[in-house]
Amino acid sequence: MIVLVCFTQFLYVQPSFDKVVPPSFYELGLAELVCIYNELREIGKAPPVIDAAELQQDPEVLSELSERA
């Protein structure tokens, strides 16, 4: 099973990264995640998307997903 983990707070990156490359949708790889999601959705296999902040607060979300599969 493919699960996409979405980092909704992508602007809160490490200060050291911010000094080298200003954080952007593309630099943080979010454009690629959107492309992967769209490609999988087009073939009828849209993966569940989990917010990383939610996952950190409630890791049981992953076990709930595996029970559904």
Foldseek 3Di string as FASTA:
>chain_A
DDEAEDAPVQQPDDPVVCVVPNDDCVVVPVVVVVVVQVVCVVVPRRHHYHYVVVCVVPVCVVVVVVVVD
